[in-house]
C-alpha atoms as a PDB file:
ATOM      1  CA  MET A   1       0.000   0.000   0.000  1.00  0.00           C
ATOM      2  CA  SER A   2       1.549   3.271  -1.070  1.00  0.00           C
ATOM      3  CA  LEU A   3       0.094   6.251   0.725  1.00  0.00           C
ATOM      4  CA  ARG A   4       3.025   8.591   0.164  1.00  0.00           C
ATOM      5  CA  SER A   5       2.490  12.007  -1.308  1.00  0.00           C
ATOM      6  CA  ASP A   6       5.067  13.399  -3.712  1.00  0.00           C
ATOM      7  CA  ARG A   7       3.746  16.923  -3.250  1.00  0.00           C
ATOM      8  CA  LYS A   8       6.354  19.331  -1.864  1.00  0.00           C
ATOM      9  CA  GLU A   9       5.123  22.240   0.205  1.00  0.00           C
ATOM     10  CA  PHE A  10       7.075  25.139   1.610  1.00  0.00           C
ATOM     11  CA  PHE A  11       6.399  27.976   3.995  1.00  0.00           C
ATOM     12  CA  LYS A  12       8.395  31.077   4.896  1.00  0.00           C
ATOM     13  CA  VAL A  13       9.497  32.088   8.352  1.00  0.00           C
ATOM     14  CA  ASN A  14      11.168  35.506   8.426  1.00  0.00           C
ATOM     15  CA  GLY A  15      12.001  35.140   4.733  1.00  0.00           C
ATOM     16  CA  ASP A  16      13.535  31.665   5.200  1.00  0.00           C
ATOM     17  CA  ALA A  17      11.833  28.948   3.106  1.00  0.00           C
ATOM     18  CA  ARG A  18      11.335  25.700   4.998  1.00  0.00           C
ATOM     19  CA  LYS A  19       9.874  22.454   3.732  1.00  0.00           C
ATOM     20  CA  LEU A  20       6.633  21.246   5.268  1.00  0.00           C
ATOM     21  CA  PHE A  21       6.424  17.509   5.697  1.00  0.00           C
ATOM     22  CA  SER A  22       3.514  15.199   5.354  1.00  0.00           C
ATOM     23  CA  PHE A  23       2.305  12.976   8.179  1.00  0.00           C
ATOM     24  CA  GLN A  24       3.202  10.076   5.865  1.00  0.00           C
ATOM     25  CA  ASP A  25       6.863  11.029   6.400  1.00  0.00           C
ATOM     26  CA  LEU A  26       6.617  10.301  10.128  1.00  0.00           C
ATOM     27  CA  LYS A  27       8.232   7.010  11.154  1.00  0.00           C
ATOM     28  CA  VAL A  28       5.503   6.393  13.741  1.00  0.00           C
ATOM     29  CA  TRP A  29       2.829   6.621  11.028  1.00  0.00           C
ATOM     30  CA  GLN A  30       4.755   4.346   8.647  1.00  0.00           C
ATOM     31  CA  LYS A  31       5.333   1.720  11.326  1.00  0.00           C
ATOM     32  CA  SER A  32       1.755   1.859  12.590  1.00  0.00           C
ATOM     33  CA  VAL A  33       0.384   1.308   9.058  1.00  0.00           C
ATOM     34  CA  GLY A  34       2.723  -1.662   8.606  1.00  0.00           C
ATOM     35  CA  PHE A  35       1.631  -3.093  11.946  1.00  0.00           C
ATOM     36  CA  ALA A  36      -2.067  -2.659  11.106  1.00  0.00           C
ATOM     37  CA  GLU A  37      -1.569  -4.390   7.753  1.00  0.00           C
ATOM     38  CA  LYS A  38       0.100  -7.357   9.475  1.00  0.00           C
ATOM     39  CA  VAL A  39      -2.673  -7.624  12.082  1.00  0.00           C
ATOM     40  CA  ILE A  40      -5.427  -7.470   9.458  1.00  0.00           C
ATOM     41  CA  ARG A  41      -3.640 -10.017   7.258  1.00  0.00           C
ATOM     42  CA  THR A  42      -3.195 -12.373  10.242  1.00  0.00           C
ATOM     43  CA  ILE A  43      -6.845 -11.996  11.238  1.00  0.00           C
ATOM     44  CA  GLY A  44      -7.846 -12.859   7.679  1.00  0.00           C
ATOM     45  CA  GLU A  45      -5.959 -16.150   7.997  1.00  0.00           C
ATOM     46  CA  LEU A  46      -7.680 -17.163  11.251  1.00  0.00           C
ATOM     47  CA  ASP A  47     -10.313 -19.851  11.222  1.00  0.00           C
ATOM     48  CA  THR A  48     -12.410 -18.869  14.227  1.00  0.00           C
ATOM     49  CA  PRO A  49     -16.002 -19.479  15.257  1.00  0.00           C
ATOM     50  CA  ARG A  50     -18.533 -16.662  14.898  1.00  0.00           C
ATOM     51  CA  LYS A  51     -18.520 -15.960  18.672  1.00  0.00           C
ATOM     52  CA  HIS A  52     -15.080 -14.298  18.342  1.00  0.00           C
ATOM     53  CA  TYR A  53     -16.272 -11.784  15.733  1.00  0.00           C
ATOM     54  CA  ARG A  54     -16.422  -8.814  18.176  1.00  0.00           C
ATOM     55  CA  LEU A  55     -12.897  -9.536  19.436  1.00  0.00           C
ATOM     56  CA  ILE A  56     -11.623  -9.527  15.859  1.00  0.00           C
ATOM     57  CA  GLU A  57     -13.338  -6.164  15.217  1.00  0.00           C
ATOM     58  CA  GLN A  58     -11.673  -4.732  18.324  1.00  0.00           C
ATOM     59  CA  LEU A  59      -8.244  -6.005  17.237  1.00  0.00           C
ATOM     60  CA  GLU A  60      -8.639  -4.385  13.814  1.00  0.00           C
ATOM     61  CA  ALA A  61      -9.781  -1.083  15.336  1.00  0.00           C
ATOM     62  CA  ALA A  62      -6.971  -1.035  17.883  1.00  0.00           C
ATOM     63  CA  SER A  63      -4.307  -1.828  15.295  1.00  0.00           C
ATOM     64  CA  THR A  64      -5.358   1.095  13.085  1.00  0.00           C
ATOM     65  CA  SER A  65      -5.842   3.659  15.862  1.00  0.00           C
ATOM     66  CA  VAL A  66      -2.267   5.024  15.920  1.00  0.00           C
ATOM     67  CA  SER A  67      -2.105   5.747  12.197  1.00  0.00           C
ATOM     68  CA  MET A  68      -5.639   7.161  12.169  1.00  0.00           C
ATOM     69  CA  ASN A  69      -4.873   9.499  15.080  1.00  0.00           C
ATOM     70  CA  THR A  70      -1.533  10.614  13.590  1.00  0.00           C
ATOM     71  CA  CYS A  71      -2.939  11.908  10.307  1.00  0.00           C
ATOM     72  CA  PRO A  72      -4.579  15.361  10.199  1.00  0.00           C
ATOM     73  CA  VAL A  73      -8.310  15.858   9.977  1.00  0.00           C
ATOM     74  CA  LYS A  74      -9.565  18.070   7.195  1.00  0.00           C
END
């Protein structure tokens, strides 16, 4: 999954141009997305009875929470 943006943005502080970075550049975001992908892939391979469905939903939600809370809200 490639969620990287190639868009370069700059802002000026006292006449000095500085590059803005995207949340996708943050290591914590990159690692949390990788972790969530692994959890979801592992869950997909499980052969569990229906009674564990809510637990699986909670695992998926918890594994995606870091990346979802790191990215900005528009």
